[in-house]
Amino acid sequence: MSIGRILSPLVVGGPGALTSGPVGFLVFPRSLLTSAWLTVGTPLGSALAAIVPGRVIYWIDPEGGPRAFLGLVLVGSLLTWSGLIALSCVGILGWYRRSRPSV
């Protein structure tokens, strides 16, 4: 397995997630698209809330509470969507490589 097969999905997945979220929030601020983008990261945000120390959360937001949890959900959404986009890239590249005639 070459490094290019591992790196190319990550190069597509990270920026894909970083651009899809903010563009969705700017174009459709209160729609099903933004709800779906955030809902995917909620379980990972809950897991991050249990892992991340309280000092870090209060350093980010001194009052803690819902805004701090929303930040964790945003991080969870970014990680989840990056992984999903990278996995779809792996599937598309694998299909392309199998369907290409060998020379």
PDB file of N, CA and C in Angstrom:
ATOM      1  N   MET A   1       0.841  -1.165   0.000  1.00  0.00           N
ATOM      2  CA  MET A   1       0.000   0.000   0.000  1.00  0.00           C
ATOM      3  C   MET A   1       0.896   1.241   0.000  1.00  0.00           C
ATOM      4  N   SER A   2       0.675   2.085  -0.960  1.00  0.00           N
ATOM      5  CA  SER A   2       1.522   3.272  -1.093  1.00  0.00           C
ATOM      6  C   SER A   2       0.992   4.409  -0.221  1.00  0.00           C
ATOM      7  N   ILE A   3       1.843   5.356   0.013  1.00  0.00           N
ATOM      8  CA  ILE A   3       1.489   6.514   0.847  1.00  0.00           C
ATOM      9  C   ILE A   3       0.437   7.362   0.133  1.00  0.00           C
ATOM     10  N   GLY A   4       0.447   7.379  -1.199  1.00  0.00           N
ATOM     11  CA  GLY A   4      -0.525   8.154  -1.959  1.00  0.00           C
ATOM     12  C   GLY A   4      -1.941   7.654  -1.770  1.00  0.00           C
ATOM     13  N   ARG A   5      -2.102   6.344  -1.587  1.00  0.00           N
ATOM     14  CA  ARG A   5      -3.440   5.788  -1.368  1.00  0.00           C
ATOM     15  C   ARG A   5      -3.986   6.171  -0.006  1.00  0.00           C
ATOM     16  N   ILE A   6      -3.122   6.477   0.927  1.00  0.00           N
ATOM     17  CA  ILE A   6      -3.574   6.889   2.248  1.00  0.00           C
ATOM     18  C   ILE A   6      -3.730   8.401   2.302  1.00  0.00           C
ATOM     19  N   LEU A   7      -2.825   9.127   1.683  1.00  0.00           N
ATOM     20  CA  LEU A   7      -2.823  10.576   1.779  1.00  0.00           C
ATOM     21  C   LEU A   7      -3.895  11.248   0.927  1.00  0.00           C
ATOM     22  N   SER A   8      -4.183  10.712  -0.244  1.00  0.00           N
ATOM     23  CA  SER A   8      -5.131  11.388  -1.133  1.00  0.00           C
ATOM     24  C   SER A   8      -6.538  11.488  -0.530  1.00  0.00           C
ATOM     25  N   PRO A   9      -7.085  10.453   0.142  1.00  0.00           N
ATOM     26  CA  PRO A   9      -8.385  10.662   0.776  1.00  0.00           C
ATOM     27  C   PRO A   9      -8.343  11.677   1.915  1.00  0.00           C
ATOM     28  N   LEU A  10      -7.249  11.721   2.654  1.00  0.00           N
ATOM     29  CA  LEU A  10      -7.149  12.693   3.738  1.00  0.00           C
ATOM     30  C   LEU A  10      -7.042  14.113   3.205  1.00  0.00           C
ATOM     31  N   VAL A  11      -6.368  14.268   2.073  1.00  0.00           N
ATOM     32  CA  VAL A  11      -6.236  15.586   1.459  1.00  0.00           C
ATOM     33  C   VAL A  11      -7.595  16.058   0.936  1.00  0.00           C
ATOM     34  N   VAL A  12      -8.446  15.132   0.529  1.00  0.00           N
ATOM     35  CA  VAL A  12      -9.779  15.494   0.054  1.00  0.00           C
ATOM     36  C   VAL A  12     -10.751  15.646   1.218  1.00  0.00           C
ATOM     37  N   GLY A  13     -10.673  14.743   2.206  1.00  0.00           N
ATOM     38  CA  GLY A  13     -11.642  14.727   3.299  1.00  0.00           C
ATOM     39  C   GLY A  13     -11.560  15.922   4.230  1.00  0.00           C
ATOM     40  N   GLY A  14     -10.361  16.298   4.629  1.00  0.00           N
ATOM     41  CA  GLY A  14     -10.212  17.423   5.560  1.00  0.00           C
ATOM     42  C   GLY A  14     -10.742  18.730   5.011  1.00  0.00           C
ATOM     43  N   PRO A  15     -10.229  19.175   3.869  1.00  0.00           N
ATOM     44  CA  PRO A  15     -10.762  20.427   3.312  1.00  0.00           C
ATOM     45  C   PRO A  15     -12.226  20.321   2.896  1.00  0.00           C
ATOM     46  N   GLY A  16     -12.657  19.130   2.502  1.00  0.00           N
ATOM     47  CA  GLY A  16     -14.069  18.961   2.141  1.00  0.00           C
ATOM     48  C   GLY A  16     -14.980  19.229   3.323  1.00  0.00           C
ATOM     49  N   ALA A  17     -14.617  18.711   4.476  1.00  0.00           N
ATOM     50  CA  ALA A  17     -15.415  18.951   5.678  1.00  0.00           C
ATOM     51  C   ALA A  17     -15.280  20.391   6.157  1.00  0.00           C
ATOM     52  N   LEU A  18     -14.085  20.945   6.044  1.00  0.00           N
ATOM     53  CA  LEU A  18     -13.884  22.323   6.485  1.00  0.00           C
ATOM     54  C   LEU A  18     -14.634  23.328   5.628  1.00  0.00           C
ATOM     55  N   THR A  19     -14.870  23.009   4.369  1.00  0.00           N
ATOM     56  CA  THR A  19     -15.609  23.940   3.515  1.00  0.00           C
ATOM     57  C   THR A  19     -17.108  23.658   3.491  1.00  0.00           C
ATOM     58  N   SER A  20     -17.509  22.391   3.611  1.00  0.00           N
ATOM     59  CA  SER A  20     -18.942  22.085   3.521  1.00  0.00           C
ATOM     60  C   SER A  20     -19.722  22.647   4.695  1.00  0.00           C
ATOM     61  N   GLY A  21     -19.143  22.598   5.893  1.00  0.00           N
ATOM     62  CA  GLY A  21     -19.845  23.118   7.062  1.00  0.00           C
ATOM     63  C   GLY A  21     -20.075  24.617   7.013  1.00  0.00           C
ATOM     64  N   PRO A  22     -19.028  25.426   6.928  1.00  0.00           N
ATOM     65  CA  PRO A  22     -19.245  26.879   6.899  1.00  0.00           C
ATOM     66  C   PRO A  22     -20.058  27.356   5.704  1.00  0.00           C
ATOM     67  N   VAL A  23     -19.865  26.740   4.550  1.00  0.00           N
ATOM     68  CA  VAL A  23     -20.663  27.153   3.385  1.00  0.00           C
ATOM     69  C   VAL A  23     -22.134  26.824   3.624  1.00  0.00           C
ATOM     70  N   GLY A  24     -22.389  25.656   4.197  1.00  0.00           N
ATOM     71  CA  GLY A  24     -23.778  25.295   4.514  1.00  0.00           C
ATOM     72  C   GLY A  24     -24.398  26.244   5.526  1.00  0.00           C
ATOM     73  N   PHE A  25     -23.617  26.657   6.530  1.00  0.00           N
ATOM     74  CA  PHE A  25     -24.131  27.583   7.534  1.00  0.00           C
ATOM     75  C   PHE A  25     -24.367  28.974   6.958  1.00  0.00           C
ATOM     76  N   LEU A  26     -23.537  29.396   5.996  1.00  0.00           N
ATOM     77  CA  LEU A  26     -23.715  30.711   5.406  1.00  0.00           C
ATOM     78  C   LEU A  26     -24.863  30.752   4.409  1.00  0.00           C
ATOM     79  N   VAL A  27     -24.989  29.709   3.595  1.00  0.00           N
ATOM     80  CA  VAL A  27     -26.011  29.704   2.552  1.00  0.00           C
ATOM     81  C   VAL A  27     -27.381  29.335   3.112  1.00  0.00           C
ATOM     82  N   PHE A  28     -27.420  28.323   3.984  1.00  0.00           N
ATOM     83  CA  PHE A  28     -28.680  27.853   4.559  1.00  0.00           C
ATOM     84  C   PHE A  28     -28.567  27.863   6.087  1.00  0.00           C
ATOM     85  N   PRO A  29     -28.686  29.037   6.724  1.00  0.00           N
ATOM     86  CA  PRO A  29     -28.404  29.101   8.156  1.00  0.00           C
ATOM     87  C   PRO A  29     -29.334  28.271   9.036  1.00  0.00           C
ATOM     88  N   ARG A  30     -30.591  28.197   8.738  1.00  0.00           N
ATOM     89  CA  ARG A  30     -31.537  27.430   9.567  1.00  0.00           C
ATOM     90  C   ARG A  30     -32.274  26.435   8.691  1.00  0.00           C
ATOM     91  N   SER A  31     -31.567  25.395   8.316  1.00  0.00           N
ATOM     92  CA  SER A  31     -32.183  24.412   7.436  1.00  0.00           C
ATOM     93  C   SER A  31     -31.845  23.007   7.917  1.00  0.00           C
ATOM     94  N   LEU A  32     -32.375  22.048   7.216  1.00  0.00           N
ATOM     95  CA  LEU A  32     -32.117  20.650   7.525  1.00  0.00           C
ATOM     96  C   LEU A  32     -30.660  20.299   7.256  1.00  0.00           C
ATOM     97  N   LEU A  33     -30.033  20.998   6.326  1.00  0.00           N
ATOM     98  CA  LEU A  33     -28.626  20.756   6.011  1.00  0.00           C
ATOM     99  C   LEU A  33     -27.726  21.037   7.216  1.00  0.00           C
ATOM    100  N   THR A  34     -27.921  22.163   7.856  1.00  0.00           N
ATOM    101  CA  THR A  34     -27.086  22.484   9.017  1.00  0.00           C
ATOM    102  C   THR A  34     -27.404  21.575  10.195  1.00  0.00           C
ATOM    103  N   SER A  35     -28.675  21.209  10.339  1.00  0.00           N
ATOM    104  CA  SER A  35     -29.025  20.263  11.410  1.00  0.00           C
ATOM    105  C   SER A  35     -28.361  18.915  11.190  1.00  0.00           C
ATOM    106  N   ALA A  36     -28.368  18.447   9.964  1.00  0.00           N
ATOM    107  CA  ALA A  36     -27.733  17.157   9.662  1.00  0.00           C
ATOM    108  C   ALA A  36     -26.223  17.236   9.848  1.00  0.00           C
ATOM    109  N   TRP A  37     -25.621  18.361   9.477  1.00  0.00           N
ATOM    110  CA  TRP A  37     -24.171  18.505   9.616  1.00  0.00           C
ATOM    111  C   TRP A  37     -23.770  18.465  11.080  1.00  0.00           C
ATOM    112  N   LEU A  38     -24.573  19.074  11.955  1.00  0.00           N
ATOM    113  CA  LEU A  38     -24.252  19.090  13.379  1.00  0.00           C
ATOM    114  C   LEU A  38     -24.658  17.806  14.089  1.00  0.00           C
ATOM    115  N   THR A  39     -25.773  17.209  13.695  1.00  0.00           N
ATOM    116  CA  THR A  39     -26.276  16.020  14.380  1.00  0.00           C
ATOM    117  C   THR A  39     -25.297  14.865  14.298  1.00  0.00           C
ATOM    118  N   VAL A  40     -24.594  14.754  13.204  1.00  0.00           N
ATOM    119  CA  VAL A  40     -23.626  13.675  13.030  1.00  0.00           C
ATOM    120  C   VAL A  40     -22.518  13.772  14.069  1.00  0.00           C
ATOM    121  N   GLY A  41     -22.138  14.958  14.477  1.00  0.00           N
ATOM    122  CA  GLY A  41     -21.043  15.131  15.420  1.00  0.00           C
ATOM    123  C   GLY A  41     -21.441  15.110  16.878  1.00  0.00           C
ATOM    124  N   THR A  42     -22.740  15.015  17.176  1.00  0.00           N
ATOM    125  CA  THR A  42     -23.180  15.050  18.564  1.00  0.00           C
ATOM    126  C   THR A  42     -22.657  13.876  19.390  1.00  0.00           C
ATOM    127  N   PRO A  43     -22.718  12.629  18.908  1.00  0.00           N
ATOM    128  CA  PRO A  43     -22.160  11.534  19.728  1.00  0.00           C
ATOM    129  C   PRO A  43     -20.659  11.689  19.983  1.00  0.00           C
ATOM    130  N   LEU A  44     -19.931  12.118  18.976  1.00  0.00           N
ATOM    131  CA  LEU A  44     -18.492  12.318  19.166  1.00  0.00           C
ATOM    132  C   LEU A  44     -18.229  13.513  20.078  1.00  0.00           C
ATOM    133  N   GLY A  45     -19.070  14.536  20.002  1.00  0.00           N
ATOM    134  CA  GLY A  45     -18.946  15.673  20.916  1.00  0.00           C
ATOM    135  C   GLY A  45     -19.191  15.260  22.360  1.00  0.00           C
ATOM    136  N   SER A  46     -20.151  14.354  22.576  1.00  0.00           N
ATOM    137  CA  SER A  46     -20.391  13.841  23.927  1.00  0.00           C
ATOM    138  C   SER A  46     -19.199  13.035  24.426  1.00  0.00           C
ATOM    139  N   ALA A  47     -18.613  12.242  23.540  1.00  0.00           N
ATOM    140  CA  ALA A  47     -17.426  11.476  23.919  1.00  0.00           C
ATOM    141  C   ALA A  47     -16.255  12.408  24.215  1.00  0.00           C
ATOM    142  N   LEU A  48     -16.118  13.460  23.441  1.00  0.00           N
ATOM    143  CA  LEU A  48     -15.049  14.430  23.688  1.00  0.00           C
ATOM    144  C   LEU A  48     -15.261  15.162  25.013  1.00  0.00           C
ATOM    145  N   ALA A  49     -16.521  15.402  25.376  1.00  0.00           N
ATOM    146  CA  ALA A  49     -16.803  16.081  26.643  1.00  0.00           C
ATOM    147  C   ALA A  49     -16.349  15.229  27.822  1.00  0.00           C
ATOM    148  N   ALA A  50     -16.421  13.915  27.674  1.00  0.00           N
ATOM    149  CA  ALA A  50     -15.976  13.037  28.753  1.00  0.00           C
ATOM    150  C   ALA A  50     -14.456  12.921  28.791  1.00  0.00           C
ATOM    151  N   ILE A  51     -13.805  13.123  27.643  1.00  0.00           N
ATOM    152  CA  ILE A  51     -12.352  12.939  27.549  1.00  0.00           C
ATOM    153  C   ILE A  51     -11.594  14.230  27.855  1.00  0.00           C
ATOM    154  N   VAL A  52     -12.076  15.341  27.319  1.00  0.00           N
ATOM    155  CA  VAL A  52     -11.369  16.623  27.454  1.00  0.00           C
ATOM    156  C   VAL A  52     -11.475  17.103  28.903  1.00  0.00           C
ATOM    157  N   PRO A  53     -10.362  17.498  29.506  1.00  0.00           N
ATOM    158  CA  PRO A  53     -10.411  17.993  30.890  1.00  0.00           C
ATOM    159  C   PRO A  53     -11.214  19.288  31.010  1.00  0.00           C
ATOM    160  N   GLY A  54     -11.808  19.494  32.169  1.00  0.00           N
ATOM    161  CA  GLY A  54     -12.613  20.683  32.416  1.00  0.00           C
ATOM    162  C   GLY A  54     -11.823  21.972  32.283  1.00  0.00           C
ATOM    163  N   ARG A  55     -10.528  21.918  32.617  1.00  0.00           N
ATOM    164  CA  ARG A  55      -9.684  23.120  32.500  1.00  0.00           C
ATOM    165  C   ARG A  55      -9.652  23.632  31.068  1.00  0.00           C
ATOM    166  N   VAL A  56      -9.574  22.696  30.110  1.00  0.00           N
ATOM    167  CA  VAL A  56      -9.506  23.101  28.697  1.00  0.00           C
ATOM    168  C   VAL A  56     -10.826  23.730  28.268  1.00  0.00           C
ATOM    169  N   ILE A  57     -11.933  23.145  28.701  1.00  0.00           N
ATOM    170  CA  ILE A  57     -13.246  23.682  28.321  1.00  0.00           C
ATOM    171  C   ILE A  57     -13.430  25.082  28.896  1.00  0.00           C
ATOM    172  N   TYR A  58     -13.052  25.277  30.166  1.00  0.00           N
ATOM    173  CA  TYR A  58     -13.195  26.602  30.773  1.00  0.00           C
ATOM    174  C   TYR A  58     -12.156  27.583  30.251  1.00  0.00           C
ATOM    175  N   TRP A  59     -11.060  27.086  29.702  1.00  0.00           N
ATOM    176  CA  TRP A  59     -10.083  27.971  29.066  1.00  0.00           C
ATOM    177  C   TRP A  59     -10.635  28.489  27.745  1.00  0.00           C
ATOM    178  N   ILE A  60     -11.342  27.621  27.022  1.00  0.00           N
ATOM    179  CA  ILE A  60     -11.946  28.021  25.742  1.00  0.00           C
ATOM    180  C   ILE A  60     -13.113  28.966  25.983  1.00  0.00           C
ATOM    181  N   ASP A  61     -14.010  28.582  26.887  1.00  0.00           N
ATOM    182  CA  ASP A  61     -15.174  29.405  27.214  1.00  0.00           C
ATOM    183  C   ASP A  61     -15.282  29.475  28.735  1.00  0.00           C
ATOM    184  N   PRO A  62     -14.967  30.630  29.348  1.00  0.00           N
ATOM    185  CA  PRO A  62     -14.930  30.715  30.812  1.00  0.00           C
ATOM    186  C   PRO A  62     -16.243  30.347  31.505  1.00  0.00           C
ATOM    187  N   GLU A  63     -17.362  30.501  30.811  1.00  0.00           N
ATOM    188  CA  GLU A  63     -18.641  30.148  31.427  1.00  0.00           C
ATOM    189  C   GLU A  63     -18.999  28.685  31.221  1.00  0.00           C
ATOM    190  N   GLY A  64     -18.315  28.007  30.319  1.00  0.00           N
ATOM    191  CA  GLY A  64     -18.620  26.592  30.054  1.00  0.00           C
ATOM    192  C   GLY A  64     -20.015  26.460  29.470  1.00  0.00           C
ATOM    193  N   GLY A  65     -20.686  25.390  29.796  1.00  0.00           N
ATOM    194  CA  GLY A  65     -22.086  25.214  29.424  1.00  0.00           C
ATOM    195  C   GLY A  65     -22.310  24.903  27.961  1.00  0.00           C
ATOM    196  N   PRO A  66     -23.446  25.378  27.427  1.00  0.00           N
ATOM    197  CA  PRO A  66     -23.861  24.998  26.078  1.00  0.00           C
ATOM    198  C   PRO A  66     -22.911  25.451  24.970  1.00  0.00           C
ATOM    199  N   ARG A  67     -22.320  26.624  25.119  1.00  0.00           N
ATOM    200  CA  ARG A  67     -21.405  27.084  24.060  1.00  0.00           C
ATOM    201  C   ARG A  67     -20.166  26.222  23.986  1.00  0.00           C
ATOM    202  N   ALA A  68     -19.683  25.769  25.128  1.00  0.00           N
ATOM    203  CA  ALA A  68     -18.520  24.880  25.126  1.00  0.00           C
ATOM    204  C   ALA A  68     -18.885  23.538  24.504  1.00  0.00           C
ATOM    205  N   PHE A  69     -20.085  23.037  24.816  1.00  0.00           N
ATOM    206  CA  PHE A  69     -20.506  21.773  24.216  1.00  0.00           C
ATOM    207  C   PHE A  69     -20.715  21.926  22.713  1.00  0.00           C
ATOM    208  N   LEU A  70     -21.226  23.073  22.284  1.00  0.00           N
ATOM    209  CA  LEU A  70     -21.383  23.300  20.843  1.00  0.00           C
ATOM    210  C   LEU A  70     -20.035  23.288  20.147  1.00  0.00           C
ATOM    211  N   GLY A  71     -19.013  23.836  20.787  1.00  0.00           N
ATOM    212  CA  GLY A  71     -17.662  23.771  20.218  1.00  0.00           C
ATOM    213  C   GLY A  71     -17.182  22.338  20.078  1.00  0.00           C
ATOM    214  N   LEU A  72     -17.460  21.508  21.083  1.00  0.00           N
ATOM    215  CA  LEU A  72     -17.084  20.095  20.991  1.00  0.00           C
ATOM    216  C   LEU A  72     -17.881  19.379  19.901  1.00  0.00           C
ATOM    217  N   VAL A  73     -19.141  19.741  19.742  1.00  0.00           N
ATOM    218  CA  VAL A  73     -19.952  19.153  18.669  1.00  0.00           C
ATOM    219  C   VAL A  73     -19.416  19.576  17.304  1.00  0.00           C
ATOM    220  N   LEU A  74     -18.980  20.822  17.166  1.00  0.00           N
ATOM    221  CA  LEU A  74     -18.397  21.271  15.901  1.00  0.00           C
ATOM    222  C   LEU A  74     -17.120  20.501  15.578  1.00  0.00           C
ATOM    223  N   VAL A  75     -16.278  20.285  16.582  1.00  0.00           N
ATOM    224  CA  VAL A  75     -15.064  19.490  16.368  1.00  0.00           C
ATOM    225  C   VAL A  75     -15.435  18.064  15.994  1.00  0.00           C
ATOM    226  N   GLY A  76     -16.430  17.492  16.680  1.00  0.00           N
ATOM    227  CA  GLY A  76     -16.882  16.150  16.354  1.00  0.00           C
ATOM    228  C   GLY A  76     -17.461  16.053  14.950  1.00  0.00           C
ATOM    229  N   SER A  77     -18.190  17.083  14.545  1.00  0.00           N
ATOM    230  CA  SER A  77     -18.741  17.098  13.183  1.00  0.00           C
ATOM    231  C   SER A  77     -17.638  17.180  12.143  1.00  0.00           C
ATOM    232  N   LEU A  78     -16.650  18.023  12.394  1.00  0.00           N
ATOM    233  CA  LEU A  78     -15.530  18.130  11.451  1.00  0.00           C
ATOM    234  C   LEU A  78     -14.804  16.795  11.312  1.00  0.00           C
ATOM    235  N   LEU A  79     -14.546  16.138  12.436  1.00  0.00           N
ATOM    236  CA  LEU A  79     -13.858  14.843  12.377  1.00  0.00           C
ATOM    237  C   LEU A  79     -14.715  13.781  11.673  1.00  0.00           C
ATOM    238  N   THR A  80     -16.001  13.762  11.986  1.00  0.00           N
ATOM    239  CA  THR A  80     -16.882  12.768  11.379  1.00  0.00           C
ATOM    240  C   THR A  80     -17.018  12.975   9.882  1.00  0.00           C
ATOM    241  N   TRP A  81     -17.274  14.218   9.481  1.00  0.00           N
ATOM    242  CA  TRP A  81     -17.440  14.475   8.051  1.00  0.00           C
ATOM    243  C   TRP A  81     -16.133  14.296   7.285  1.00  0.00           C
ATOM    244  N   SER A  82     -15.010  14.615   7.914  1.00  0.00           N
ATOM    245  CA  SER A  82     -13.719  14.351   7.261  1.00  0.00           C
ATOM    246  C   SER A  82     -13.554  12.864   7.002  1.00  0.00           C
ATOM    247  N   GLY A  83     -13.892  12.054   7.993  1.00  0.00           N
ATOM    248  CA  GLY A  83     -13.802  10.602   7.822  1.00  0.00           C
ATOM    249  C   GLY A  83     -14.759  10.076   6.769  1.00  0.00           C
ATOM    250  N   LEU A  84     -15.984  10.582   6.762  1.00  0.00           N
ATOM    251  CA  LEU A  84     -16.961  10.117   5.765  1.00  0.00           C
ATOM    252  C   LEU A  84     -16.558  10.514   4.347  1.00  0.00           C
ATOM    253  N   ILE A  85     -16.072  11.723   4.181  1.00  0.00           N
ATOM    254  CA  ILE A  85     -15.630  12.160   2.858  1.00  0.00           C
ATOM    255  C   ILE A  85     -14.398  11.377   2.422  1.00  0.00           C
ATOM    256  N   ALA A  86     -13.482  11.110   3.363  1.00  0.00           N
ATOM    257  CA  ALA A  86     -12.292  10.329   3.034  1.00  0.00           C
ATOM    258  C   ALA A  86     -12.672   8.893   2.658  1.00  0.00           C
ATOM    259  N   LEU A  87     -13.625   8.295   3.376  1.00  0.00           N
ATOM    260  CA  LEU A  87     -14.061   6.938   3.029  1.00  0.00           C
ATOM    261  C   LEU A  87     -14.743   6.891   1.668  1.00  0.00           C
ATOM    262  N   SER A  88     -15.525   7.899   1.348  1.00  0.00           N
ATOM    263  CA  SER A  88     -16.146   7.915   0.023  1.00  0.00           C
ATOM    264  C   SER A  88     -15.097   8.105  -1.059  1.00  0.00           C
ATOM    265  N   CYS A  89     -14.063   8.877  -0.769  1.00  0.00           N
ATOM    266  CA  CYS A  89     -12.960   9.056  -1.720  1.00  0.00           C
ATOM    267  C   CYS A  89     -12.236   7.731  -1.936  1.00  0.00           C
ATOM    268  N   VAL A  90     -12.015   6.968  -0.862  1.00  0.00           N
ATOM    269  CA  VAL A  90     -11.380   5.652  -0.988  1.00  0.00           C
ATOM    270  C   VAL A  90     -12.230   4.737  -1.859  1.00  0.00           C
ATOM    271  N   GLY A  91     -13.545   4.752  -1.645  1.00  0.00           N
ATOM    272  CA  GLY A  91     -14.430   3.924  -2.455  1.00  0.00           C
ATOM    273  C   GLY A  91     -14.440   4.320  -3.918  1.00  0.00           C
ATOM    274  N   ILE A  92     -14.483   5.599  -4.182  1.00  0.00           N
ATOM    275  CA  ILE A  92     -14.492   6.073  -5.571  1.00  0.00           C
ATOM    276  C   ILE A  92     -13.170   5.761  -6.257  1.00  0.00           C
ATOM    277  N   LEU A  93     -12.053   5.983  -5.553  1.00  0.00           N
ATOM    278  CA  LEU A  93     -10.751   5.672  -6.158  1.00  0.00           C
ATOM    279  C   LEU A  93     -10.589   4.170  -6.397  1.00  0.00           C
ATOM    280  N   GLY A  94     -11.070   3.350  -5.458  1.00  0.00           N
ATOM    281  CA  GLY A  94     -11.002   1.903  -5.655  1.00  0.00           C
ATOM    282  C   GLY A  94     -11.840   1.451  -6.831  1.00  0.00           C
ATOM    283  N   TRP A  95     -13.039   2.019  -6.962  1.00  0.00           N
ATOM    284  CA  TRP A  95     -13.885   1.672  -8.099  1.00  0.00           C
ATOM    285  C   TRP A  95     -13.235   2.113  -9.400  1.00  0.00           C
ATOM    286  N   TYR A  96     -12.626   3.303  -9.404  1.00  0.00           N
ATOM    287  CA  TYR A  96     -11.980   3.816 -10.608  1.00  0.00           C
ATOM    288  C   TYR A  96     -10.797   2.938 -11.007  1.00  0.00           C
ATOM    289  N   ARG A  97     -10.012   2.522 -10.024  1.00  0.00           N
ATOM    290  CA  ARG A  97      -8.841   1.697 -10.327  1.00  0.00           C
ATOM    291  C   ARG A  97      -9.242   0.311 -10.822  1.00  0.00           C
ATOM    292  N   ARG A  98     -10.344  -0.226 -10.315  1.00  0.00           N
ATOM    293  CA  ARG A  98     -10.789  -1.544 -10.776  1.00  0.00           C
ATOM    294  C   ARG A  98     -11.429  -1.479 -12.151  1.00  0.00           C
ATOM    295  N   SER A  99     -12.117  -0.378 -12.473  1.00  0.00           N
ATOM    296  CA  SER A  99     -12.802  -0.277 -13.753  1.00  0.00           C
ATOM    297  C   SER A  99     -11.886   0.169 -14.884  1.00  0.00           C
ATOM    298  N   ARG A 100     -10.719   0.677 -14.563  1.00  0.00           N
ATOM    299  CA  ARG A 100      -9.779   1.146 -15.578  1.00  0.00           C
ATOM    300  C   ARG A 100      -9.145  -0.066 -16.259  1.00  0.00           C
ATOM    301  N   PRO A 101      -9.131  -0.093 -17.574  1.00  0.00           N
ATOM    302  CA  PRO A 101      -8.501  -1.240 -18.258  1.00  0.00           C
ATOM    303  C   PRO A 101      -6.997  -1.238 -18.042  1.00  0.00           C
ATOM    304  N   SER A 102      -6.471  -2.414 -17.746  1.00  0.00           N
ATOM    305  CA  SER A 102      -5.029  -2.505 -17.528  1.00  0.00           C
ATOM    306  C   SER A 102      -4.299  -2.513 -18.867  1.00  0.00           C
ATOM    307  N   VAL A 103      -3.233  -1.788 -18.934  1.00  0.00           N
ATOM    308  CA  VAL A 103      -2.470  -1.656 -20.168  1.00  0.00           C
ATOM    309  C   VAL A 103      -1.205  -2.466 -20.093  1.00  0.00           C
TER     310      VAL A 103
END
